[in-house]
C-alpha atoms as a PDB file:
ATOM      1  CA  MET A   1    -156.224  60.280 205.077  1.00  0.00           C
ATOM      2  CA  ASP A   2    -156.861  63.439 203.049  1.00  0.00           C
ATOM      3  CA  THR A   3    -154.027  64.738 200.918  1.00  0.00           C
ATOM      4  CA  LYS A   4    -152.440  67.837 202.434  1.00  0.00           C
ATOM      5  CA  ILE A   5    -151.885  70.524 199.829  1.00  0.00           C
ATOM      6  CA  GLY A   6    -149.572  73.442 200.518  1.00  0.00           C
ATOM      7  CA  PHE A   7    -148.872  76.790 198.880  1.00  0.00           C
ATOM      8  CA  ILE A   8    -145.577  78.588 199.328  1.00  0.00           C
ATOM      9  CA  GLY A   9    -146.570  82.076 198.265  1.00  0.00           C
ATOM     10  CA  SER A  10    -150.122  83.422 198.350  1.00  0.00           C
ATOM     11  CA  GLY A  11    -150.466  85.752 195.386  1.00  0.00           C
ATOM     12  CA  LYS A  12    -153.261  86.013 192.833  1.00  0.00           C
ATOM     13  CA  MET A  13    -152.671  82.652 191.143  1.00  0.00           C
ATOM     14  CA  ALA A  14    -152.380  80.823 194.448  1.00  0.00           C
ATOM     15  CA  GLU A  15    -155.616  82.439 195.598  1.00  0.00           C
ATOM     16  CA  ALA A  16    -157.373  81.451 192.359  1.00  0.00           C
ATOM     17  CA  ILE A  17    -156.287  77.817 192.771  1.00  0.00           C
ATOM     18  CA  ILE A  18    -157.204  77.758 196.465  1.00  0.00           C
ATOM     19  CA  GLY A  19    -160.606  79.313 195.794  1.00  0.00           C
ATOM     20  CA  GLY A  20    -161.284  76.840 193.001  1.00  0.00           C
ATOM     21  CA  MET A  21    -160.249  73.899 195.161  1.00  0.00           C
ATOM     22  CA  VAL A  22    -162.522  74.914 198.029  1.00  0.00           C
ATOM     23  CA  LYS A  23    -165.445  75.386 195.638  1.00  0.00           C
ATOM     24  CA  ALA A  24    -164.650  71.956 194.128  1.00  0.00           C
ATOM     25  CA  GLY A  25    -164.995  70.268 197.510  1.00  0.00           C
ATOM     26  CA  TYR A  26    -161.513  70.248 198.987  1.00  0.00           C
ATOM     27  CA  GLN A  27    -161.706  70.770 202.727  1.00  0.00           C
ATOM     28  CA  PRO A  28    -160.106  73.956 204.075  1.00  0.00           C
ATOM     29  CA  ASP A  29    -158.320  71.953 206.768  1.00  0.00           C
ATOM     30  CA  GLN A  30    -156.328  70.107 204.100  1.00  0.00           C
ATOM     31  CA  ILE A  31    -155.053  73.310 202.446  1.00  0.00           C
ATOM     32  CA  PHE A  32    -152.048  75.124 203.933  1.00  0.00           C
ATOM     33  CA  ALA A  33    -150.284  78.328 202.919  1.00  0.00           C
ATOM     34  CA  SER A  34    -147.287  80.444 203.853  1.00  0.00           C
ATOM     35  CA  ASN A  35    -146.331  83.894 202.606  1.00  0.00           C
ATOM     36  CA  ARG A  36    -143.650  86.502 203.178  1.00  0.00           C
ATOM     37  CA  GLY A  37    -146.246  88.910 204.591  1.00  0.00           C
ATOM     38  CA  TRP A  38    -149.222  88.078 206.817  1.00  0.00           C
ATOM     39  CA  ASP A  39    -151.799  90.364 205.181  1.00  0.00           C
ATOM     40  CA  LYS A  40    -152.496  87.988 202.289  1.00  0.00           C
ATOM     41  CA  LEU A  41    -152.572  84.963 204.589  1.00  0.00           C
ATOM     42  CA  ILE A  42    -155.065  86.604 206.936  1.00  0.00           C
ATOM     43  CA  ARG A  43    -157.262  87.475 203.960  1.00  0.00           C
ATOM     44  CA  LEU A  44    -157.158  83.906 202.578  1.00  0.00           C
ATOM     45  CA  LYS A  45    -157.962  82.479 205.995  1.00  0.00           C
ATOM     46  CA  GLU A  46    -160.933  84.839 206.394  1.00  0.00           C
ATOM     47  CA  ILE A  47    -162.343  84.032 202.938  1.00  0.00           C
ATOM     48  CA  TYR A  48    -161.557  80.318 202.554  1.00  0.00           C
ATOM     49  CA  HIS A  49    -160.803  79.242 206.156  1.00  0.00           C
ATOM     50  CA  ILE A  50    -157.597  77.489 205.089  1.00  0.00           C
ATOM     51  CA  GLN A  51    -154.683  76.767 207.417  1.00  0.00           C
ATOM     52  CA  THR A  52    -151.851  79.299 207.555  1.00  0.00           C
ATOM     53  CA  LEU A  53    -148.282  78.521 208.582  1.00  0.00           C
ATOM     54  CA  GLU A  54    -145.453  80.770 209.636  1.00  0.00           C
ATOM     55  CA  SER A  55    -142.701  79.365 207.428  1.00  0.00           C
ATOM     56  CA  ASN A  56    -142.090  77.770 204.062  1.00  0.00           C
ATOM     57  CA  GLN A  57    -140.312  74.896 205.797  1.00  0.00           C
ATOM     58  CA  GLU A  58    -143.487  73.996 207.709  1.00  0.00           C
ATOM     59  CA  VAL A  59    -145.453  73.756 204.460  1.00  0.00           C
ATOM     60  CA  ALA A  60    -142.762  71.584 202.882  1.00  0.00           C
ATOM     61  CA  GLU A  61    -142.544  69.248 205.885  1.00  0.00           C
ATOM     62  CA  LEU A  62    -146.283  68.826 206.327  1.00  0.00           C
ATOM     63  CA  CYS A  63    -147.775  68.679 202.833  1.00  0.00           C
ATOM     64  CA  ASP A  64    -148.021  65.894 200.268  1.00  0.00           C
ATOM     65  CA  ILE A  65    -148.393  68.299 197.339  1.00  0.00           C
ATOM     66  CA  VAL A  66    -146.511  71.598 197.490  1.00  0.00           C
ATOM     67  CA  PHE A  67    -147.137  74.480 195.085  1.00  0.00           C
ATOM     68  CA  LEU A  68    -144.247  76.868 194.576  1.00  0.00           C
ATOM     69  CA  SER A  69    -146.437  79.881 193.888  1.00  0.00           C
ATOM     70  CA  VAL A  70    -143.830  82.602 194.333  1.00  0.00           C
ATOM     71  CA  THR A  71    -142.446  84.690 191.489  1.00  0.00           C
ATOM     72  CA  PRO A  72    -139.745  82.915 189.460  1.00  0.00           C
ATOM     73  CA  ASP A  73    -136.921  85.059 190.820  1.00  0.00           C
ATOM     74  CA  LYS A  74    -137.694  83.687 194.315  1.00  0.00           C
ATOM     75  CA  TYR A  75    -137.306  80.027 193.298  1.00  0.00           C
ATOM     76  CA  PRO A  76    -133.593  79.685 194.196  1.00  0.00           C
ATOM     77  CA  LEU A  77    -134.131  81.117 197.684  1.00  0.00           C
ATOM     78  CA  VAL A  78    -137.302  79.132 198.423  1.00  0.00           C
ATOM     79  CA  ILE A  79    -135.835  75.855 197.192  1.00  0.00           C
ATOM     80  CA  GLU A  80    -132.767  76.421 199.333  1.00  0.00           C
ATOM     81  CA  GLU A  81    -135.099  76.841 202.324  1.00  0.00           C
ATOM     82  CA  ILE A  82    -137.120  73.670 201.746  1.00  0.00           C
ATOM     83  CA  ARG A  83    -134.893  71.191 199.921  1.00  0.00           C
ATOM     84  CA  ASP A  84    -133.698  69.440 203.067  1.00  0.00           C
ATOM     85  CA  VAL A  85    -137.157  69.100 204.653  1.00  0.00           C
ATOM     86  CA  ILE A  86    -139.415  68.226 201.714  1.00  0.00           C
ATOM     87  CA  GLN A  87    -140.744  64.671 202.029  1.00  0.00           C
ATOM     88  CA  ASP A  88    -139.294  62.062 199.663  1.00  0.00           C
ATOM     89  CA  ASP A  89    -142.744  61.175 198.311  1.00  0.00           C
ATOM     90  CA  SER A  90    -144.061  64.744 198.105  1.00  0.00           C
ATOM     91  CA  ILE A  91    -144.931  66.273 194.752  1.00  0.00           C
ATOM     92  CA  VAL A  92    -143.690  69.809 194.077  1.00  0.00           C
ATOM     93  CA  ILE A  93    -145.662  71.829 191.517  1.00  0.00           C
ATOM     94  CA  LEU A  94    -143.912  74.743 189.843  1.00  0.00           C
ATOM     95  CA  ILE A  95    -146.246  77.431 188.512  1.00  0.00           C
ATOM     96  CA  GLY A  96    -143.634  80.115 187.824  1.00  0.00           C
ATOM     97  CA  GLY A  97    -143.381  81.123 184.176  1.00  0.00           C
ATOM     98  CA  GLY A  98    -140.101  80.228 182.483  1.00  0.00           C
ATOM     99  CA  GLU A  99    -139.036  77.806 185.210  1.00  0.00           C
ATOM    100  CA  GLY A 100    -137.886  74.446 183.830  1.00  0.00           C
ATOM    101  CA  LEU A 101    -137.880  71.012 185.460  1.00  0.00           C
ATOM    102  CA  ALA A 102    -134.179  70.242 184.978  1.00  0.00           C
ATOM    103  CA  GLU A 103    -132.870  73.495 186.443  1.00  0.00           C
ATOM    104  CA  ASN A 104    -135.040  73.064 189.525  1.00  0.00           C
ATOM    105  CA  GLU A 105    -133.993  69.435 189.975  1.00  0.00           C
ATOM    106  CA  GLU A 106    -130.454  70.819 190.167  1.00  0.00           C
ATOM    107  CA  ARG A 107    -131.503  73.380 192.762  1.00  0.00           C
ATOM    108  CA  PHE A 108    -132.960  70.666 194.978  1.00  0.00           C
ATOM    109  CA  GLY A 109    -129.850  68.570 194.533  1.00  0.00           C
ATOM    110  CA  ARG A 110    -131.797  65.345 195.114  1.00  0.00           C
ATOM    111  CA  LYS A 111    -134.482  63.216 193.505  1.00  0.00           C
ATOM    112  CA  VAL A 112    -137.639  65.279 193.883  1.00  0.00           C
ATOM    113  CA  LYS A 113    -140.961  64.673 192.130  1.00  0.00           C
ATOM    114  CA  LEU A 114    -141.493  67.833 190.094  1.00  0.00           C
ATOM    115  CA  VAL A 115    -144.426  69.062 188.022  1.00  0.00           C
ATOM    116  CA  LYS A 116    -144.414  72.145 185.817  1.00  0.00           C
ATOM    117  CA  ALA A 117    -147.939  73.543 185.611  1.00  0.00           C
ATOM    118  CA  MET A 118    -149.330  76.600 183.864  1.00  0.00           C
ATOM    119  CA  PRO A 119    -152.863  77.275 185.198  1.00  0.00           C
ATOM    120  CA  ASN A 120    -154.919  80.340 184.382  1.00  0.00           C
ATOM    121  CA  THR A 121    -157.080  82.417 186.711  1.00  0.00           C
ATOM    122  CA  PRO A 122    -160.457  80.880 185.704  1.00  0.00           C
ATOM    123  CA  VAL A 123    -159.477  77.949 187.955  1.00  0.00           C
ATOM    124  CA  LEU A 124    -161.181  80.121 190.588  1.00  0.00           C
ATOM    125  CA  VAL A 125    -164.581  79.326 189.034  1.00  0.00           C
ATOM    126  CA  GLY A 126    -163.805  75.753 187.999  1.00  0.00           C
ATOM    127  CA  GLU A 127    -163.175  76.627 184.346  1.00  0.00           C
ATOM    128  CA  GLY A 128    -159.407  76.896 184.219  1.00  0.00           C
ATOM    129  CA  ILE A 129    -157.055  75.311 181.721  1.00  0.00           C
ATOM    130  CA  THR A 130    -153.787  73.983 183.120  1.00  0.00           C
ATOM    131  CA  SER A 131    -150.956  72.641 180.986  1.00  0.00           C
ATOM    132  CA  ILE A 132    -148.797  70.085 182.822  1.00  0.00           C
ATOM    133  CA  SER A 133    -145.420  68.397 182.370  1.00  0.00           C
ATOM    134  CA  PHE A 134    -143.738  65.891 184.699  1.00  0.00           C
ATOM    135  CA  ASN A 135    -140.171  64.968 185.520  1.00  0.00           C
ATOM    136  CA  SER A 136    -138.941  61.376 185.390  1.00  0.00           C
ATOM    137  CA  PHE A 137    -139.355  60.665 189.119  1.00  0.00           C
ATOM    138  CA  ILE A 138    -143.163  60.771 189.067  1.00  0.00           C
ATOM    139  CA  ASN A 139    -144.998  57.494 188.526  1.00  0.00           C
ATOM    140  CA  GLU A 140    -148.280  57.010 186.670  1.00  0.00           C
ATOM    141  CA  ASN A 141    -150.452  57.010 189.809  1.00  0.00           C
ATOM    142  CA  GLU A 142    -148.889  60.267 190.938  1.00  0.00           C
ATOM    143  CA  LYS A 143    -149.429  61.786 187.501  1.00  0.00           C
ATOM    144  CA  GLN A 144    -153.103  60.889 187.723  1.00  0.00           C
ATOM    145  CA  ARG A 145    -153.353  62.531 191.168  1.00  0.00           C
ATOM    146  CA  VAL A 146    -152.045  65.787 189.737  1.00  0.00           C
ATOM    147  CA  VAL A 147    -154.225  65.626 186.616  1.00  0.00           C
ATOM    148  CA  SER A 148    -157.268  64.858 188.784  1.00  0.00           C
ATOM    149  CA  LEU A 149    -156.563  67.870 190.998  1.00  0.00           C
ATOM    150  CA  PHE A 150    -156.492  70.260 188.045  1.00  0.00           C
ATOM    151  CA  ASN A 151    -159.466  68.590 186.375  1.00  0.00           C
ATOM    152  CA  ARG A 152    -161.521  69.408 189.454  1.00  0.00           C
ATOM    153  CA  ILE A 153    -160.890  73.126 188.892  1.00  0.00           C
ATOM    154  CA  GLY A 154    -161.149  73.075 185.088  1.00  0.00           C
ATOM    155  CA  LYS A 155    -159.345  70.971 182.521  1.00  0.00           C
ATOM    156  CA  ALA A 156    -155.784  69.645 182.466  1.00  0.00           C
ATOM    157  CA  GLU A 157    -153.679  69.057 179.369  1.00  0.00           C
ATOM    158  CA  VAL A 158    -150.482  66.997 179.676  1.00  0.00           C
ATOM    159  CA  ILE A 159    -147.978  68.348 177.164  1.00  0.00           C
ATOM    160  CA  GLU A 160    -144.270  68.201 176.386  1.00  0.00           C
ATOM    161  CA  GLU A 161    -142.283  70.606 178.515  1.00  0.00           C
ATOM    162  CA  ARG A 162    -140.821  72.282 175.403  1.00  0.00           C
ATOM    163  CA  LEU A 163    -144.356  73.522 174.572  1.00  0.00           C
ATOM    164  CA  MET A 164    -145.073  74.901 178.026  1.00  0.00           C
ATOM    165  CA  ASP A 165    -144.265  78.520 177.179  1.00  0.00           C
ATOM    166  CA  THR A 166    -146.556  78.326 174.157  1.00  0.00           C
ATOM    167  CA  ALA A 167    -149.326  76.881 176.319  1.00  0.00           C
ATOM    168  CA  SER A 168    -148.743  79.683 178.816  1.00  0.00           C
ATOM    169  CA  ALA A 169    -149.030  82.337 176.103  1.00  0.00           C
ATOM    170  CA  VAL A 170    -152.250  80.848 174.718  1.00  0.00           C
ATOM    171  CA  GLY A 171    -153.944  79.545 177.866  1.00  0.00           C
ATOM    172  CA  GLY A 172    -152.417  81.591 180.661  1.00  0.00           C
ATOM    173  CA  SER A 173    -152.509  85.074 179.152  1.00  0.00           C
ATOM    174  CA  SER A 174    -155.556  84.796 176.912  1.00  0.00           C
ATOM    175  CA  PRO A 175    -158.174  85.392 179.641  1.00  0.00           C
ATOM    176  CA  ALA A 176    -156.951  89.000 179.564  1.00  0.00           C
ATOM    177  CA  PHE A 177    -157.666  89.072 175.813  1.00  0.00           C
ATOM    178  CA  MET A 178    -161.126  87.592 176.433  1.00  0.00           C
ATOM    179  CA  TYR A 179    -161.937  90.192 179.077  1.00  0.00           C
ATOM    180  CA  MET A 180    -160.961  92.932 176.624  1.00  0.00           C
ATOM    181  CA  TYR A 181    -163.161  91.330 173.955  1.00  0.00           C
ATOM    182  CA  ILE A 182    -166.131  91.090 176.333  1.00  0.00           C
ATOM    183  CA  GLU A 183    -165.608  94.680 177.457  1.00  0.00           C
ATOM    184  CA  ALA A 184    -165.479  95.888 173.844  1.00  0.00           C
ATOM    185  CA  LEU A 185    -168.660  93.986 172.947  1.00  0.00           C
ATOM    186  CA  ALA A 186    -170.375  95.476 175.972  1.00  0.00           C
ATOM    187  CA  ASP A 187    -169.193  98.967 175.043  1.00  0.00           C
ATOM    188  CA  ALA A 188    -170.739  98.494 171.610  1.00  0.00           C
ATOM    189  CA  ALA A 189    -174.004  97.321 173.193  1.00  0.00           C
ATOM    190  CA  VAL A 190    -174.048 100.363 175.488  1.00  0.00           C
ATOM    191  CA  LEU A 191    -173.381 102.591 172.462  1.00  0.00           C
ATOM    192  CA  TYR A 192    -176.614 101.272 170.978  1.00  0.00           C
ATOM    193  CA  GLY A 193    -178.739 101.643 174.109  1.00  0.00           C
ATOM    194  CA  MET A 194    -178.228  98.589 176.327  1.00  0.00           C
ATOM    195  CA  GLU A 195    -177.649  98.982 180.064  1.00  0.00           C
ATOM    196  CA  ARG A 196    -174.044  98.288 181.110  1.00  0.00           C
ATOM    197  CA  GLU A 197    -174.671  95.334 183.436  1.00  0.00           C
ATOM    198  CA  GLN A 198    -176.997  93.688 180.942  1.00  0.00           C
ATOM    199  CA  ALA A 199    -174.451  94.238 178.172  1.00  0.00           C
ATOM    200  CA  TYR A 200    -171.731  92.471 180.199  1.00  0.00           C
ATOM    201  CA  ASN A 201    -174.082  89.555 180.899  1.00  0.00           C
ATOM    202  CA  VAL A 202    -175.003  89.117 177.242  1.00  0.00           C
ATOM    203  CA  ALA A 203    -171.411  89.451 175.978  1.00  0.00           C
ATOM    204  CA  ALA A 204    -169.928  87.144 178.622  1.00  0.00           C
ATOM    205  CA  GLN A 205    -172.561  84.444 178.130  1.00  0.00           C
ATOM    206  CA  ALA A 206    -172.064  84.602 174.362  1.00  0.00           C
ATOM    207  CA  ALA A 207    -168.319  84.044 174.841  1.00  0.00           C
ATOM    208  CA  LEU A 208    -168.938  81.185 177.292  1.00  0.00           C
ATOM    209  CA  GLY A 209    -171.459  79.537 174.969  1.00  0.00           C
ATOM    210  CA  ALA A 210    -169.149  79.776 171.957  1.00  0.00           C
ATOM    211  CA  ALA A 211    -166.295  78.178 173.919  1.00  0.00           C
ATOM    212  CA  LYS A 212    -168.547  75.332 175.064  1.00  0.00           C
ATOM    213  CA  MET A 213    -169.641  74.735 171.480  1.00  0.00           C
ATOM    214  CA  VAL A 214    -166.007  74.213 170.457  1.00  0.00           C
ATOM    215  CA  LEU A 215    -165.290  71.906 173.377  1.00  0.00           C
ATOM    216  CA  GLU A 216    -168.476  69.854 173.350  1.00  0.00           C
ATOM    217  CA  THR A 217    -169.367  69.500 169.668  1.00  0.00           C
ATOM    218  CA  GLY A 218    -165.897  68.653 168.393  1.00  0.00           C
ATOM    219  CA  GLU A 219    -166.551  70.829 165.357  1.00  0.00           C
ATOM    220  CA  HIS A 220    -163.796  72.986 163.878  1.00  0.00           C
ATOM    221  CA  PRO A 221    -164.162  76.625 164.990  1.00  0.00           C
ATOM    222  CA  ALA A 222    -164.345  77.688 161.337  1.00  0.00           C
ATOM    223  CA  LYS A 223    -167.325  75.377 160.789  1.00  0.00           C
ATOM    224  CA  LEU A 224    -169.118  76.790 163.836  1.00  0.00           C
ATOM    225  CA  LYS A 225    -168.404  80.292 162.586  1.00  0.00           C
ATOM    226  CA  ASP A 226    -169.773  79.423 159.157  1.00  0.00           C
ATOM    227  CA  ASP A 227    -172.967  78.072 160.731  1.00  0.00           C
ATOM    228  CA  VAL A 228    -173.712  81.536 162.139  1.00  0.00           C
ATOM    229  CA  CYS A 229    -172.967  83.390 158.902  1.00  0.00           C
ATOM    230  CA  SER A 230    -175.976  83.469 156.564  1.00  0.00           C
ATOM    231  CA  PRO A 231    -175.407  84.675 152.980  1.00  0.00           C
ATOM    232  CA  ASP A 232    -175.561  88.460 152.869  1.00  0.00           C
ATOM    233  CA  GLY A 233    -176.494  88.424 156.569  1.00  0.00           C
ATOM    234  CA  THR A 234    -175.535  90.668 159.450  1.00  0.00           C
ATOM    235  CA  THR A 235    -172.991  88.270 160.967  1.00  0.00           C
ATOM    236  CA  ILE A 236    -170.916  87.873 157.793  1.00  0.00           C
ATOM    237  CA  GLN A 237    -170.857  91.666 157.538  1.00  0.00           C
ATOM    238  CA  SER A 238    -169.450  91.787 161.083  1.00  0.00           C
ATOM    239  CA  VAL A 239    -166.905  89.069 160.300  1.00  0.00           C
ATOM    240  CA  ALA A 240    -165.774  91.002 157.225  1.00  0.00           C
ATOM    241  CA  ALA A 241    -165.325  94.116 159.375  1.00  0.00           C
ATOM    242  CA  LEU A 242    -163.207  92.143 161.853  1.00  0.00           C
ATOM    243  CA  GLU A 243    -161.024  90.828 159.024  1.00  0.00           C
ATOM    244  CA  THR A 244    -160.634  94.318 157.551  1.00  0.00           C
ATOM    245  CA  ASN A 245    -159.428  95.560 160.937  1.00  0.00           C
ATOM    246  CA  GLY A 246    -156.906  92.770 161.440  1.00  0.00           C
ATOM    247  CA  PHE A 247    -158.724  90.826 164.155  1.00  0.00           C
ATOM    248  CA  ARG A 248    -156.941  87.506 163.613  1.00  0.00           C
ATOM    249  CA  ASP A 249    -153.555  89.105 163.112  1.00  0.00           C
ATOM    250  CA  ALA A 250    -153.966  91.143 166.309  1.00  0.00           C
ATOM    251  CA  ILE A 251    -154.478  87.917 168.291  1.00  0.00           C
ATOM    252  CA  ILE A 252    -151.483  86.221 166.670  1.00  0.00           C
ATOM    253  CA  GLN A 253    -149.342  89.290 167.344  1.00  0.00           C
ATOM    254  CA  ALA A 254    -150.460  89.292 170.979  1.00  0.00           C
ATOM    255  CA  VAL A 255    -149.251  85.703 171.378  1.00  0.00           C
ATOM    256  CA  ARG A 256    -146.046  86.543 169.515  1.00  0.00           C
ATOM    257  CA  ALA A 257    -145.368  89.460 171.885  1.00  0.00           C
ATOM    258  CA  ASN A 258    -145.854  87.081 174.809  1.00  0.00           C
ATOM    259  CA  MET A 259    -143.399  84.558 173.345  1.00  0.00           C
ATOM    260  CA  GLU A 260    -140.829  87.256 172.585  1.00  0.00           C
ATOM    261  CA  LYS A 261    -141.048  88.451 176.191  1.00  0.00           C
ATOM    262  CA  MET A 262    -140.147  84.891 177.237  1.00  0.00           C
ATOM    263  CA  GLY A 263    -137.081  84.921 174.984  1.00  0.00           C
ATOM    264  CA  TYR A 264    -138.326  83.391 171.726  1.00  0.00           C
END
């Protein structure tokens, strides 16, 4: 029997995961969602043909894997709603930033299989990165089920829970940095005569190709950078300009700002 996967909350991250799952081959009739308002549910049903339910309790009772995809401040209320109806062998996946495993075990007040996961929005196109930690009640087979799910919509990295906020700052927020980088490259291309749509295509593909080189060659990013930089060439001149303008430091400061917002 197909695993039933439920989403309590249907915001942007839930939609990205649902969209990625459907594109990866999950059947819409095995995906269920609830939400405080019906507008988002109607939209998800129209686009992805998933099943919509009227209450959070229905999702918890019916589904084998349950995503808590509400904002972190709603966790206490939602857990209070579902803790008495969640199945003993169900897996609950927390995707709220700053939410720890231990504090949510206490909220359930019983032995519940919990996963803390930090996906990013490129899961929608099958290229997400999701950092995952497990509580002690999940066995190895169940861990593999969760890892397999996220690997179908990108890549999964199992990490220590203490590093989850760092992984969120680097993997979860960085697509926004990448979009800014692609937009800036495209602006520069337009400045020198390229059509806007073509500029976005060239810049985005360059970013995608560079990322794949890191992942698939196993080479250090510095080595790959050096391979592009000929002596006295145009690329090394560009790299020097980036260094002069604090490119690396700006990225590190962006991550630092993220971490400080989370209380570090």
